[in-house]
Amino acid sequence: MPALVNAIVMLGMLVVVPAGLRLTGRQELDRIRRLWPLFAVPGAVALWLPRSTAATALACCYALGAVLLALHAPRRAVRGGRDLGPAAFALITALVTPAVAAIALVAERSGHELFGFGLDILALTVPHFHFAGFAAALIAGLVCGVSDGPAGRFAALSVPLGTLLVLVGYFLDDWAELAGALVSTAGMWTVGLLTWRMGRADGRDRTTRLLLLASAGVLVATMLLALSWALGEATGLPHPTLTWMAATHGLGNALGFALCSLLAWRRIRTEEPDSTGGSTA
């Protein structure tokens, strides 16, 4: 894997997932969050080793943690029952997506293609499902939890749905993947709009305001890049290369959107607890 992709994945493993789990406010996730470094550190080390048995074994350690996290999803769904709303749906999606990333990581580190996908695609699937999967769905759920009206519900439903459609598109064709990109972009731009409104709200401290506005602004550019790539793949029109996408779309989503959003929400939760309206579900 290129060093840039490795660094982005490490950010997802070591920072984004545990920080996101803390923001859910769900006590049942506290134990896996505390244990997460035991899984994430070996996974991070695996990124920098040559493809080998050792790298595969370390990747399997991360996969174990990701699977344990995903097992909380059906419990969350059962507990939600008929009251399973858009925010809870987004949270369930966030809990599952690291496992998809981890499976791709194990296959890539072992040097084996998976479901016909080459090693380069598997390598990029790992950061995709940490950020476009976990972080995006989690933040969409958080935004939905504090935004009354259809926009928040649309964001919390369309972001996970777009992630699912992109995954299905991997197995079908580029047009299905383009449909997923369109749904994801609509959802993420709605998240960006609602985040922008939060940043512009009265009473917000300067640092939190800047973090919220930065994360919202970055989404405009990064999702345009995602659309241009998906459209190019489907139609054959000129579009950015995967290397360029990793350096722009990937890095922008990781630092500009996910990290800024999580830092802003952490400040909101610790300094302005009454403004959040509770947990994501």
Foldseek 3Di string as FASTA:
>chain_A
DDPLLLVLLLCLQPPQVLLLLVQQQDPVCVVLSVCSCQLSVLQSVLVPDAQDPSSLVSLVSNLVSLVVQLVVLVVLPVVCDPVCALLNLLQNQLSNLQNVLSVLSNCLSNLHDDLPDHNVVSSVSNSCSSQLTNLQSSLLLLLLLQDPDDLSRLLSNQSSVLVVQLVVCVNPHLVSNLVSLVSNLSSLLSSLVSLLVVLVDPPDDDLLSVLSNQQSVLSVVLSVLVNQVSVCRRPVPDHDDPVVNCVRNVVSSSVRHRVSSSVSSVCCCVPPVVSRNHGSD
